[in-house]
């Protein structure tokens, strides 16, 4: 594939090229108080600043029929390399969600934090004050390197300092150098949180160029043996491990990505390939070479095809390696063997951190932190941080680790949580500990159906089916998303449920609890109300045919999707492969 000419490039490419380094008309539209929303062009550029313009999908049809303007607001995403925030940073984030959002925070599956229902007139105040609290939203979205993920659990004996340092260095290396963010939101002041000093206005981005990347690029840094970040789903996974001679370095895994489209069979989820072992001092250089390779060879004519995984799939791993070697000017070593990855990666409950210091893995269903009658999670976390914890770490499963708690404070921490109605980990059902859902409706513009809002019903259904079959202790990693983009990573789950319409879903099975195998689709377009019928058959087959101690995902992979599909109820078999053809 060659780089498209200007005539072939998508409209997004022309917009970036003429945006004055991500400024566009954002500044003018911010001060145009008569409009409640941004133009499509400004909204597209806002993504680079960590802002998505959205409208309330629950009201869209009614307002459109009435000829009324849509109910616009913004989602604002904080970029948090490795998901790690000091006490002061978290408290700064927490204070603002009552002032300029809907009183809730949303932890993300890429270890970030989101505000929802932020109005246009509040954007400047929010981004400005976040940066004064040393938290930035710059490059949390857009056609750039996104938030760098890192193994988050600081168990005793683990040294995460190298991983945290690498995440910060990658974030700083690939954050855009345009002055636009500082000019628009910080009145020209340079915040510490946003990395190195920007270039002068008008200077072409040294890594990205004037059209940035064809689309987003995702790095993940994983501790050997702990694949909680789903390292094989990243554009580039980096696993620090010594080389054969003991030299510090890392294995690079390239070409992962899970987004796909129901209507385009040329899109698909893909796991990354082991590419090379890179010495520690060359990690940044090779990472940059890979980003520029995607910049130069990624598809700029079709955004649904604009991911590194398609470059790797179509050109091959050996071509990618040769091109990287050409860019860095020397050969790359073969990847060393990695130790086995462990399964079940939620890190919930109490764990020793260092000496008599502990961390507490706190479950946060769907990553939604709010205060509601009888269950005030946001206030509980704030109280624990103000009194005991030193920092928080956001996990890749939308949960929160409260870190640096003295052993003498454990009882008080549990008392605080209990007083706020926050359940202990031991009170969770097994299925709750291993389930994720994306926000979906009503805020996400990509959502085709529900996810977070139907999760409680889905959990009750699965829990009941397991109990009826005396499988109540079976842990099935389950993930549900409102569209095929797969933000909750359903395609590597043991059970993935993906919305196809507002009320219908596809079912994928056979992923690995260790995140090393893709699931396969067994049925498409099933009404949510009938998911229980399909799941009942699958669980019956598992109960009667699984080997001793064999997990659901391993069993489904061994049996195979065609066999499972043939055993489903006739209405489900008739739907398999029929939708959107």
Protein backbone atom coordinates (compact mmCIF):
# COMPACT_ATOMS: atom_id res chain seq x y z
CA UNK A 1 0.00 0.00 0.00
CA UNK A 2 1.32 3.48 -0.89
CA UNK A 3 0.53 6.75 0.79
CA UNK A 4 -2.66 8.24 -0.71
CA UNK A 5 -2.41 11.42 -2.70
CA UNK A 6 -4.19 14.56 -1.55
CA UNK A 7 -7.09 13.70 -3.83
CA UNK A 8 -7.42 10.29 -2.21
CA UNK A 9 -7.06 11.46 1.38
CA UNK A 10 -10.09 11.55 3.65
CA UNK A 11 -11.60 14.91 4.68
CA UNK A 12 -10.03 14.46 8.11
CA UNK A 13 -6.57 14.73 6.53
CA UNK A 14 -7.36 18.04 4.88
CA UNK A 15 -8.77 19.40 8.13
CA UNK A 16 -5.62 18.51 10.06
CA UNK A 17 -3.38 20.00 7.38
CA UNK A 18 -5.19 23.36 7.49
CA UNK A 19 -5.83 23.46 11.24
CA UNK A 20 -2.93 25.78 12.17
CA UNK A 21 -1.51 23.03 14.35
CA UNK A 22 -4.79 21.95 15.97
CA UNK A 23 -6.28 25.43 16.47
CA UNK A 24 -8.85 25.65 13.71
CA UNK A 25 -11.81 27.78 14.79
CA UNK A 26 -11.91 26.41 18.34
CA UNK A 27 -10.92 29.73 19.93
CA UNK A 28 -13.50 31.75 18.02
CA UNK A 29 -16.26 29.24 18.69
CA UNK A 30 -15.41 29.07 22.40
CA UNK A 31 -16.24 32.74 22.73
CA UNK A 32 -19.36 32.58 20.54
CA UNK A 33 -21.80 32.28 23.42
CA UNK A 34 -24.90 32.14 21.23
CA UNK A 35 -24.14 28.56 20.16
CA UNK A 36 -24.38 25.60 22.55
CA UNK A 37 -22.11 23.46 20.43
CA UNK A 38 -19.11 23.47 18.13
CA UNK A 39 -19.07 23.09 14.36
CA UNK A 40 -18.16 19.62 13.03
CA UNK A 41 -14.69 20.87 12.05
CA UNK A 42 -13.94 22.35 15.47
CA UNK A 43 -15.39 19.28 17.19
CA UNK A 44 -13.03 17.06 15.22
CA UNK A 45 -9.99 19.10 16.27
CA UNK A 46 -11.18 19.22 19.88
CA UNK A 47 -10.42 15.51 20.14
CA UNK A 48 -6.69 16.27 20.10
CA UNK A 49 -7.31 18.39 23.20
CA UNK A 50 -9.04 15.52 25.00
CA UNK A 51 -12.61 16.62 24.27
CA UNK A 52 -15.41 14.80 22.45
CA UNK A 53 -18.56 16.70 21.58
CA UNK A 54 -21.61 14.51 22.15
CA UNK A 55 -25.35 14.83 22.37
CA UNK A 56 -27.83 13.08 24.63
CA UNK A 57 -28.85 10.06 22.56
CA UNK A 58 -31.91 9.48 24.75
CA UNK A 59 -33.32 12.82 23.55
CA UNK A 60 -32.03 12.90 19.97
CA UNK A 61 -35.03 11.42 18.18
CA UNK A 62 -37.60 13.42 20.13
CA UNK A 63 -35.74 16.70 19.63
CA UNK A 64 -35.18 16.02 15.94
CA UNK A 65 -38.87 15.30 15.39
CA UNK A 66 -39.76 18.51 17.19
CA UNK A 67 -37.29 20.51 15.13
CA UNK A 68 -35.41 21.47 18.28
CA UNK A 69 -31.61 21.68 18.68
CA UNK A 70 -29.92 18.59 20.05
CA UNK A 71 -28.87 18.49 23.70
CA UNK A 72 -25.13 18.95 23.29
CA UNK A 73 -22.41 18.48 25.88
CA UNK A 74 -18.82 17.29 25.95
CA UNK A 75 -16.93 14.33 27.31
CA UNK A 76 -13.51 15.38 28.61
CA UNK A 77 -10.79 12.77 29.07
CA UNK A 78 -7.73 13.15 31.27
CA UNK A 79 -4.53 11.56 30.00
CA UNK A 80 -2.99 9.60 32.88
CA UNK A 81 0.12 7.62 31.83
CA UNK A 82 -0.07 4.27 33.57
CA UNK A 83 -3.23 5.31 35.40
CA UNK A 84 -1.17 6.64 38.31
CA UNK A 85 -2.27 9.78 40.18
CA UNK A 86 -0.91 11.30 43.36
CA UNK A 87 -3.34 12.20 46.12
CA UNK A 88 -3.34 15.89 45.16
CA UNK A 89 -4.00 15.13 41.49
CA UNK A 90 -6.95 12.87 42.25
CA UNK A 91 -8.49 15.38 44.65
CA UNK A 92 -8.15 18.10 42.00
CA UNK A 93 -9.97 15.88 39.47
CA UNK A 94 -12.65 14.99 42.02
CA UNK A 95 -13.41 18.58 43.04
CA UNK A 96 -14.18 19.66 39.50
CA UNK A 97 -16.78 17.04 38.60
CA UNK A 98 -19.44 18.74 40.74
CA UNK A 99 -18.63 22.17 39.34
CA UNK A 100 -18.55 21.54 35.59
CA UNK A 101 -19.84 17.99 34.94
CA UNK A 102 -22.65 15.71 36.13
CA UNK A 103 -21.16 14.88 39.54
CA UNK A 104 -19.61 11.62 38.39
CA UNK A 105 -16.26 10.41 37.10
CA UNK A 106 -15.71 7.56 34.67
CA UNK A 107 -12.60 5.40 34.88
CA UNK A 108 -11.65 4.08 31.45
CA UNK A 109 -10.29 0.79 30.17
CA UNK A 110 -7.13 2.67 29.10
CA UNK A 111 -6.51 3.88 32.66
CA UNK A 112 -7.81 7.39 32.10
CA UNK A 113 -10.53 9.47 33.75
CA UNK A 114 -13.51 11.04 31.98
CA UNK A 115 -16.01 13.77 32.76
CA UNK A 116 -19.40 13.62 31.09
CA UNK A 117 -22.03 16.28 30.38
CA UNK A 118 -19.58 19.18 30.36
CA UNK A 119 -21.10 22.18 28.60
CA UNK A 120 -19.25 24.28 26.09
CA UNK A 121 -19.10 27.30 28.37
CA UNK A 122 -17.35 25.27 31.10
CA UNK A 123 -14.58 23.77 28.97
CA UNK A 124 -12.01 26.50 29.46
CA UNK A 125 -12.44 26.53 33.22
CA UNK A 126 -12.23 22.72 33.44
CA UNK A 127 -9.12 22.26 31.30
CA UNK A 128 -7.40 25.27 32.83
CA UNK A 129 -7.93 24.14 36.41
CA UNK A 130 -7.04 20.53 35.63
CA UNK A 131 -3.69 21.64 34.29
CA UNK A 132 -3.10 23.80 37.35
CA UNK A 133 -3.65 20.59 39.30
CA UNK A 134 -0.97 18.97 37.11
CA UNK A 135 -3.41 16.84 35.11
CA UNK A 136 -3.64 17.28 31.35
CA UNK A 137 -6.18 16.28 28.72
CA UNK A 138 -3.80 16.97 25.83
CA UNK A 139 -3.63 14.06 23.37
CA UNK A 140 -6.05 11.93 25.38
CA UNK A 141 -7.92 11.61 22.07
CA UNK A 142 -7.18 12.35 18.41
CA UNK A 143 -4.85 10.99 15.73
CA UNK A 144 -1.85 10.75 18.03
CA UNK A 145 -0.29 8.38 20.54
CA UNK A 146 -2.99 7.85 23.18
CA UNK A 147 -2.70 7.24 26.92
CA UNK A 148 0.13 4.78 27.61
CA UNK A 149 -1.09 1.79 29.61
CA UNK A 150 1.00 0.10 32.31
CA UNK A 151 0.61 -2.88 34.63
CA UNK A 152 -0.85 -1.12 37.64
CA UNK A 153 -0.78 -3.41 40.70
CA UNK A 154 2.22 -2.60 43.00
CA UNK A 155 2.43 -5.98 44.71
CA UNK A 156 5.24 -6.54 47.20
CA UNK A 157 8.40 -7.58 45.36
CA UNK A 158 7.36 -5.88 42.13
CA UNK A 159 9.39 -2.95 40.90
CA UNK A 160 7.06 -0.88 38.75
CA UNK A 161 9.36 2.16 38.72
CA UNK A 162 10.86 1.19 35.34
CA UNK A 163 7.41 0.69 33.82
CA UNK A 164 6.10 3.97 35.23
CA UNK A 165 9.16 5.83 34.00
CA UNK A 166 8.85 4.32 30.53
CA UNK A 167 5.16 5.29 30.35
CA UNK A 168 5.96 8.89 31.27
CA UNK A 169 8.84 9.10 28.81
CA UNK A 170 6.67 7.73 25.97
CA UNK A 171 3.85 10.12 26.87
CA UNK A 172 6.24 13.09 26.82
CA UNK A 173 7.97 11.96 23.65
CA UNK A 174 4.76 11.68 21.65
CA UNK A 175 2.64 14.50 23.04
CA UNK A 176 2.07 17.07 20.27
CA UNK A 177 4.39 20.08 20.33
CA UNK A 178 1.81 22.55 19.02
CA UNK A 179 1.25 25.62 21.23
CA UNK A 180 -2.49 25.39 20.52
CA UNK A 181 -3.37 23.64 23.79
CA UNK A 182 -1.57 26.25 25.88
CA UNK A 183 -3.01 29.14 23.90
CA UNK A 184 -6.61 27.92 24.05
CA UNK A 185 -6.90 26.59 27.58
CA UNK A 186 -3.99 27.87 29.67
CA UNK A 187 -3.70 31.47 28.50
CA UNK A 188 -0.27 30.69 27.11
CA UNK A 189 1.18 29.22 30.30
CA UNK A 190 3.04 25.90 30.09
CA UNK A 191 1.81 23.34 32.61
CA UNK A 192 4.16 20.75 34.06
CA UNK A 193 1.63 17.98 33.47
CA UNK A 194 1.68 18.37 29.70
CA UNK A 195 5.30 17.39 29.26
CA UNK A 196 8.21 19.17 27.59
CA UNK A 197 8.05 22.75 26.36
CA UNK A 198 6.27 23.06 23.02
CA UNK A 199 7.84 24.22 19.80
CA UNK A 200 7.33 27.74 18.54
CA UNK A 201 3.96 28.41 16.86
CA UNK A 202 3.82 27.20 13.30
CA UNK A 203 6.67 24.73 13.59
CA UNK A 204 5.81 21.37 12.01
CA UNK A 205 5.43 18.56 14.53
CA UNK A 206 8.82 16.78 14.68
CA UNK A 207 7.28 13.29 14.87
CA UNK A 208 3.78 13.71 13.53
CA UNK A 209 4.16 16.22 10.69
CA UNK A 210 1.36 18.61 9.79
CA UNK A 211 -1.27 15.88 9.36
CA UNK A 212 -0.39 13.90 12.49
CA UNK A 213 -1.13 10.15 12.34
CA UNK A 214 -3.68 8.44 10.08
CA UNK A 215 -5.55 7.56 13.28
CA UNK A 216 -4.85 6.73 16.95
CA UNK A 217 -1.87 4.73 18.16
CA UNK A 218 -1.79 2.81 21.45
CA UNK A 219 1.20 1.76 23.56
CA UNK A 220 0.99 -0.64 26.49
CA UNK A 221 3.80 -1.57 28.90
CA UNK A 222 3.30 -4.92 30.66
CA UNK A 223 5.15 -6.54 33.52
CA UNK A 224 6.17 -10.07 32.51
CA UNK A 225 3.55 -12.54 33.75
CA UNK A 226 0.81 -9.91 34.29
CA UNK A 227 -1.22 -9.21 31.17
CA UNK A 228 -3.88 -7.07 32.84
CA UNK A 229 -3.38 -4.42 30.14
CA UNK A 230 -4.14 -6.91 27.33
CA UNK A 231 -0.74 -6.20 25.82
CA UNK A 232 -1.51 -8.13 22.62
CA UNK A 233 -4.39 -5.76 21.84
CA UNK A 234 -2.08 -2.72 21.65
CA UNK A 235 -0.62 -1.22 18.48
CA UNK A 236 2.68 -1.68 20.28
CA UNK A 237 3.11 -3.71 23.45
CA UNK A 238 6.37 -3.39 25.34
CA UNK A 239 7.40 -6.04 27.87
CA UNK A 240 10.57 -5.15 29.81
CA UNK A 241 12.74 -8.24 30.15
CA UNK A 242 16.48 -8.89 30.11
CA UNK A 243 18.11 -10.18 26.96
CA UNK A 244 19.88 -13.50 26.68
CA UNK A 245 23.07 -11.97 28.11
CA UNK A 246 21.26 -10.26 30.99
CA UNK A 247 21.24 -6.80 29.38
CA UNK A 248 18.14 -4.71 30.31
CA UNK A 249 15.69 -4.32 27.47
CA UNK A 250 12.20 -5.21 26.29
CA UNK A 251 10.27 -7.35 23.83
CA UNK A 252 8.22 -5.35 21.30
CA UNK A 253 4.83 -6.79 20.30
CA UNK A 254 3.27 -5.05 17.29
CA UNK A 255 0.09 -5.01 15.28
CA UNK A 256 -2.61 -5.56 17.88
CA UNK A 257 -5.99 -3.84 17.79
CA UNK A 258 -9.60 -4.82 18.39
CA UNK A 259 -11.78 -2.30 16.56
CA UNK A 260 -13.91 -3.55 13.68
CA UNK A 261 -17.08 -2.69 11.78
CA UNK A 262 -20.17 -4.86 11.44
CA UNK A 263 -20.63 -3.75 7.84
CA UNK A 264 -17.06 -4.02 6.61
CA UNK A 265 -15.67 -7.58 6.49
CA UNK A 266 -12.18 -6.23 5.80
CA UNK A 267 -12.01 -4.95 9.40
CA UNK A 268 -11.20 -7.37 12.19
CA UNK A 269 -9.65 -7.73 15.64
CA UNK A 270 -6.03 -8.80 15.67
CA UNK A 271 -3.48 -9.78 18.32
CA UNK A 272 0.03 -8.42 18.09
CA UNK A 273 3.10 -10.39 16.99
CA UNK A 274 6.40 -10.66 18.86
CA UNK A 275 8.71 -8.52 16.73
CA UNK A 276 12.06 -8.00 18.42
CA UNK A 277 14.03 -7.58 21.62
CA UNK A 278 15.29 -4.02 22.08
CA UNK A 279 17.98 -2.87 24.56
CA UNK A 280 16.79 -0.40 27.16
CA UNK A 281 18.63 2.59 25.71
CA UNK A 282 17.00 2.06 22.28
CA UNK A 283 13.38 1.62 23.39
CA UNK A 284 12.38 5.23 22.74
CA UNK A 285 14.09 5.33 19.34
CA UNK A 286 12.47 2.09 18.15
CA UNK A 287 9.09 3.20 19.49
CA UNK A 288 9.39 6.43 17.52
CA UNK A 289 10.40 4.54 14.40
CA UNK A 290 7.26 2.43 14.72
CA UNK A 291 5.05 5.50 15.13
CA UNK A 292 6.60 7.16 12.08
CA UNK A 293 6.21 3.92 10.12
CA UNK A 294 2.48 4.08 10.84
CA UNK A 295 2.50 7.78 9.99
CA UNK A 296 3.99 7.04 6.57
CA UNK A 297 2.27 3.78 5.64
CA UNK A 298 -1.06 3.90 7.48
CA UNK A 299 -4.19 4.30 5.37
CA UNK A 300 -5.17 7.98 5.14
CA UNK A 301 -8.06 7.43 2.73
CA UNK A 302 -10.23 5.10 4.86
CA UNK A 303 -10.28 5.75 8.62
CA UNK A 304 -11.85 2.35 9.35
CA UNK A 305 -8.69 0.83 7.85
CA UNK A 306 -6.29 3.32 9.42
CA UNK A 307 -4.62 1.24 12.12
CA UNK A 308 -1.15 -0.25 12.39
CA UNK A 309 -2.62 -3.76 12.59
CA UNK A 310 -3.64 -3.59 8.94
CA UNK A 311 -0.14 -2.49 7.89
CA UNK A 312 1.30 -5.46 9.79
CA UNK A 313 -1.32 -7.88 8.47
CA UNK A 314 -0.95 -6.83 4.84
CA UNK A 315 2.82 -6.29 4.66
CA UNK A 316 3.94 -8.89 7.19
CA UNK A 317 5.96 -8.82 10.38
CA UNK A 318 9.26 -9.31 8.57
CA UNK A 319 8.62 -6.28 6.36
CA UNK A 320 7.80 -4.18 9.45
CA UNK A 321 11.00 -5.33 11.13
CA UNK A 322 13.10 -4.56 8.07
CA UNK A 323 11.55 -1.11 7.78
CA UNK A 324 12.22 -0.40 11.46
CA UNK A 325 15.82 -1.51 11.03
CA UNK A 326 16.15 0.87 8.10
CA UNK A 327 14.80 3.74 10.17
CA UNK A 328 16.97 3.13 13.25
CA UNK A 329 20.04 2.25 11.20
CA UNK A 330 20.87 -1.14 12.70
CA UNK A 331 19.56 -4.68 13.01
CA UNK A 332 17.10 -5.65 15.72
CA UNK A 333 17.55 -8.74 17.88
CA UNK A 334 15.06 -11.60 17.84
CA UNK A 335 12.49 -11.48 20.66
CA UNK A 336 13.41 -13.46 23.77
CA UNK A 337 10.92 -15.90 25.23
CA UNK A 338 8.49 -14.42 27.75
CA UNK A 339 7.34 -16.24 30.89
CA UNK A 340 3.73 -17.51 30.90
CA UNK A 341 0.99 -14.96 31.47
CA UNK A 342 -1.21 -15.43 34.52
CA UNK A 343 -5.00 -15.47 34.34
CA UNK A 344 -7.63 -13.52 36.30
CA UNK A 345 -6.06 -10.12 36.53
CA UNK A 346 -8.36 -7.87 38.56
CA UNK A 347 -6.06 -7.31 41.63
CA UNK A 348 -9.06 -6.60 43.85
CA UNK A 349 -8.98 -6.73 47.65
CA UNK A 350 -6.11 -6.12 50.07
CA UNK A 351 -2.53 -6.78 48.96
CA UNK A 352 0.79 -6.06 50.63
CA UNK A 353 2.66 -3.34 48.78
CA UNK A 354 5.92 -2.79 50.64
CA UNK A 355 6.84 -3.57 54.25
CA UNK A 356 3.73 -2.69 56.24
CA UNK A 357 2.22 -0.66 53.41
CA UNK A 358 -0.81 -2.03 51.55
CA UNK A 359 -2.98 -1.33 48.55
CA UNK A 360 -6.68 -2.01 48.23
CA UNK A 361 -8.21 -2.99 44.90
CA UNK A 362 -11.64 -1.40 44.90
CA UNK A 363 -14.25 -2.62 42.40
CA UNK A 364 -15.94 0.18 40.43
CA UNK A 365 -18.75 -1.26 38.26
CA UNK A 366 -18.38 0.08 34.72
CA UNK A 367 -15.82 2.52 36.09
CA UNK A 368 -18.61 4.84 37.22
CA UNK A 369 -17.71 6.81 40.34
CA UNK A 370 -20.59 8.77 41.80
CA UNK A 371 -22.58 9.32 44.96
CA UNK A 372 -26.05 7.89 45.03
CA UNK A 373 -28.41 7.05 47.91
CA UNK A 374 -26.91 4.24 49.98
CA UNK A 375 -23.69 3.96 47.96
CA UNK A 376 -21.32 6.95 47.85
CA UNK A 377 -18.20 5.63 46.15
CA UNK A 378 -16.82 9.02 45.14
CA UNK A 379 -16.99 10.41 48.65
CA UNK A 380 -15.57 7.21 50.13
CA UNK A 381 -12.51 7.33 47.87
CA UNK A 382 -11.99 11.00 48.62
CA UNK A 383 -12.13 10.29 52.37
CA UNK A 384 -9.63 7.43 52.15
CA UNK A 385 -7.21 9.59 50.18
CA UNK A 386 -7.54 12.54 52.53
CA UNK A 387 -6.83 10.37 55.55
CA UNK A 388 -4.67 7.42 54.49
CA UNK A 389 -3.82 6.58 50.85
CA UNK A 390 -0.92 8.24 49.07
CA UNK A 391 -2.00 7.66 45.47
CA UNK A 392 -4.46 5.90 43.22
CA UNK A 393 -3.84 3.65 40.24
CA UNK A 394 -6.58 3.13 37.67
CA UNK A 395 -6.69 -0.44 36.44
CA UNK A 396 -7.31 -1.62 32.85
CA UNK A 397 -10.53 -3.19 34.15
CA UNK A 398 -12.13 0.13 35.19
CA UNK A 399 -11.32 -0.43 38.87
CA UNK A 400 -9.25 1.61 41.32
CA UNK A 401 -6.27 0.72 43.47
CA UNK A 402 -5.90 2.81 46.64
CA UNK A 403 -2.16 2.65 47.32
CA UNK A 404 0.28 3.45 50.09
CA UNK A 405 -2.05 2.64 52.99
CA UNK A 406 -0.33 1.90 56.33
CA UNK A 407 -1.22 -1.48 57.78
CA UNK A 408 -2.50 0.25 60.92
CA UNK A 409 -5.09 2.10 58.82
CA UNK A 410 -6.71 -0.91 57.16
CA UNK A 411 -9.50 -1.19 59.69
CA UNK A 412 -10.31 2.52 59.39
CA UNK A 413 -10.33 2.29 55.60
CA UNK A 414 -12.85 -0.54 55.74
CA UNK A 415 -14.90 1.48 58.21
CA UNK A 416 -14.93 4.46 55.83
CA UNK A 417 -16.03 2.30 52.92
CA UNK A 418 -18.72 0.60 54.98
CA UNK A 419 -20.08 3.92 56.22
CA UNK A 420 -20.44 5.05 52.61
CA UNK A 421 -22.19 1.85 51.54
CA UNK A 422 -19.31 0.59 49.40
CA UNK A 423 -19.33 -3.25 49.38
CA UNK A 424 -16.24 -5.29 50.18
CA UNK A 425 -14.72 -7.42 47.46
CA UNK A 426 -15.82 -10.52 49.35
CA UNK A 427 -19.44 -9.44 48.91
CA UNK A 428 -19.25 -9.48 45.12
CA UNK A 429 -20.62 -12.32 43.06
CA UNK A 430 -17.98 -14.20 41.09
CA UNK A 431 -19.36 -12.93 37.78
CA UNK A 432 -19.09 -9.31 38.96
CA UNK A 433 -15.35 -9.54 39.50
CA UNK A 434 -14.59 -10.31 35.87
CA UNK A 435 -17.06 -8.22 33.86
CA UNK A 436 -16.56 -4.94 31.99
CA UNK A 437 -18.90 -2.65 30.08
CA UNK A 438 -18.26 0.50 28.06
CA UNK A 439 -20.38 3.66 28.65
CA UNK A 440 -22.32 3.31 25.36
CA UNK A 441 -25.69 5.11 25.35
CA UNK A 442 -26.69 7.84 25.98
CA UNK A 443 -23.38 9.70 25.57
CA UNK A 444 -21.14 7.83 23.13
CA UNK A 445 -21.65 8.91 19.55
CA UNK A 446 -20.47 5.53 18.24
CA UNK A 447 -22.85 3.43 20.34
CA UNK A 448 -25.36 1.25 18.50
CA UNK A 449 -26.88 -0.19 21.67
CA UNK A 450 -26.66 -0.34 25.44
CA UNK A 451 -23.79 -1.67 27.54
CA UNK A 452 -23.28 -0.05 30.95
CA UNK A 453 -27.00 0.44 31.57
CA UNK A 454 -27.92 -3.18 30.81
CA UNK A 455 -24.93 -4.66 32.65
CA UNK A 456 -26.82 -5.24 35.95
CA UNK A 457 -29.51 -7.18 34.10
CA UNK A 458 -26.91 -9.18 32.18
CA UNK A 459 -25.07 -10.04 35.39
CA UNK A 460 -28.28 -11.23 37.03
CA UNK A 461 -29.05 -13.39 34.00
CA UNK A 462 -25.62 -15.03 33.90
CA UNK A 463 -25.52 -15.48 37.67
CA UNK A 464 -28.92 -17.20 37.61
CA UNK A 465 -27.93 -19.48 34.74
CA UNK A 466 -24.73 -20.49 36.52
CA UNK A 467 -26.56 -21.19 39.78
CA UNK A 468 -29.15 -23.35 38.03
CA UNK A 469 -26.34 -25.51 36.64
CA UNK A 470 -24.40 -25.60 39.91
CA UNK A 471 -21.64 -23.56 38.28
CA UNK A 472 -21.84 -20.64 40.67
CA UNK A 473 -18.09 -20.65 41.31
CA UNK A 474 -17.23 -20.55 37.60
CA UNK A 475 -15.42 -17.39 36.66
CA UNK A 476 -16.13 -16.26 33.10
CA UNK A 477 -14.39 -13.13 31.91
CA UNK A 478 -17.29 -11.27 30.32
CA UNK A 479 -17.25 -7.97 28.45
CA UNK A 480 -20.08 -6.08 26.79
CA UNK A 481 -19.80 -3.12 24.43
CA UNK A 482 -22.29 -0.84 22.73
CA UNK A 483 -20.59 -1.05 19.34
CA UNK A 484 -17.99 -3.14 17.49
CA UNK A 485 -15.11 -0.75 18.27
CA UNK A 486 -14.56 -2.86 21.35
CA UNK A 487 -13.46 -0.33 24.00
CA UNK A 488 -14.06 -2.92 26.76
CA UNK A 489 -11.98 -5.42 24.75
CA UNK A 490 -14.70 -8.07 24.20
CA UNK A 491 -12.78 -9.90 21.47
CA UNK A 492 -10.20 -11.24 23.91
CA UNK A 493 -12.77 -12.16 26.58
CA UNK A 494 -14.04 -15.64 27.35
CA UNK A 495 -17.52 -14.27 26.65
CA UNK A 496 -17.87 -11.12 24.55
CA UNK A 497 -21.22 -9.46 23.87
CA UNK A 498 -21.24 -6.75 21.21
CA UNK A 499 -24.18 -4.53 20.27
CA UNK A 500 -25.28 -4.68 16.66
CA UNK A 501 -28.43 -2.54 16.98
CA UNK A 502 -30.12 -0.77 19.87
CA UNK A 503 -31.53 -4.04 21.16
CA UNK A 504 -29.61 -6.83 19.37
CA UNK A 505 -26.18 -8.31 20.12
CA UNK A 506 -23.49 -10.63 18.78
CA UNK A 507 -21.91 -13.26 21.04
CA UNK A 508 -18.20 -14.11 20.89
CA UNK A 509 -16.63 -16.94 22.88
CA UNK A 510 -13.26 -18.57 23.37
CA UNK A 511 -10.89 -15.83 24.42
CA UNK A 512 -8.26 -16.59 27.01
CA UNK A 513 -8.33 -15.34 30.62
CA UNK A 514 -4.67 -14.49 30.07
CA UNK A 515 -5.53 -12.28 27.08
CA UNK A 516 -3.51 -14.31 24.59
CA UNK A 517 -6.24 -15.60 22.28
CA UNK A 518 -9.03 -14.03 20.25
CA UNK A 519 -12.62 -15.06 20.74
CA UNK A 520 -14.77 -16.15 17.79
CA UNK A 521 -18.35 -15.14 16.94
CA UNK A 522 -20.95 -17.85 17.46
CA UNK A 523 -24.14 -15.90 16.80
CA UNK A 524 -25.12 -12.48 15.48
CA UNK A 525 -28.02 -10.11 15.97
CA UNK A 526 -29.71 -11.79 18.94
CA UNK A 527 -32.28 -9.69 20.84
CA UNK A 528 -31.07 -8.86 24.32
CA UNK A 529 -34.22 -10.45 25.72
CA UNK A 530 -33.18 -13.78 24.18
CA UNK A 531 -29.51 -13.78 25.11
CA UNK A 532 -30.37 -16.02 28.07
CA UNK A 533 -31.57 -18.77 25.71
CA UNK A 534 -28.26 -18.80 23.86
CA UNK A 535 -26.16 -18.59 27.01
CA UNK A 536 -28.16 -21.42 28.60
CA UNK A 537 -27.26 -23.77 25.74
CA UNK A 538 -23.59 -22.78 25.88
CA UNK A 539 -23.45 -23.32 29.64
CA UNK A 540 -25.20 -26.69 29.33
CA UNK A 541 -22.61 -27.76 26.79
CA UNK A 542 -19.81 -26.53 29.01
CA UNK A 543 -21.16 -28.31 32.09
CA UNK A 544 -21.52 -31.59 30.23
CA UNK A 545 -18.36 -31.46 28.13
CA UNK A 546 -15.64 -29.49 29.87
CA UNK A 547 -12.62 -31.26 31.29
CA UNK A 548 -11.87 -30.97 34.98
CA UNK A 549 -10.74 -27.44 35.90
CA UNK A 550 -11.08 -26.35 32.25
CA UNK A 551 -12.17 -22.72 31.98
CA UNK A 552 -15.07 -21.57 29.83
CA UNK A 553 -12.85 -19.82 27.29
CA UNK A 554 -10.44 -22.74 26.95
CA UNK A 555 -13.35 -25.15 26.53
CA UNK A 556 -15.05 -22.97 23.89
CA UNK A 557 -11.80 -22.67 21.96
CA UNK A 558 -11.20 -26.43 22.11
CA UNK A 559 -14.71 -27.30 20.91
CA UNK A 560 -14.70 -24.59 18.25
CA UNK A 561 -17.21 -21.98 17.13
CA UNK A 562 -18.73 -24.09 14.28
CA UNK A 563 -19.68 -26.90 16.67
CA UNK A 564 -21.10 -24.48 19.22
CA UNK A 565 -23.00 -22.58 16.55
CA UNK A 566 -24.63 -25.77 15.31
CA UNK A 567 -25.87 -26.59 18.81
CA UNK A 568 -27.65 -23.28 19.36
CA UNK A 569 -31.44 -22.83 19.19
CA UNK A 570 -32.81 -22.58 15.67
CA UNK A 571 -33.60 -18.88 15.96
CA UNK A 572 -29.96 -18.18 16.83
CA UNK A 573 -28.57 -20.44 14.10
CA UNK A 574 -30.72 -18.64 11.57
CA UNK A 575 -29.25 -15.33 12.66
CA UNK A 576 -25.63 -16.42 12.51
CA UNK A 577 -23.94 -14.74 9.58
CA UNK A 578 -27.16 -13.09 8.35
CA UNK A 579 -26.99 -9.56 9.73
CA UNK A 580 -25.84 -6.69 7.53
CA UNK A 581 -25.06 -8.91 4.59
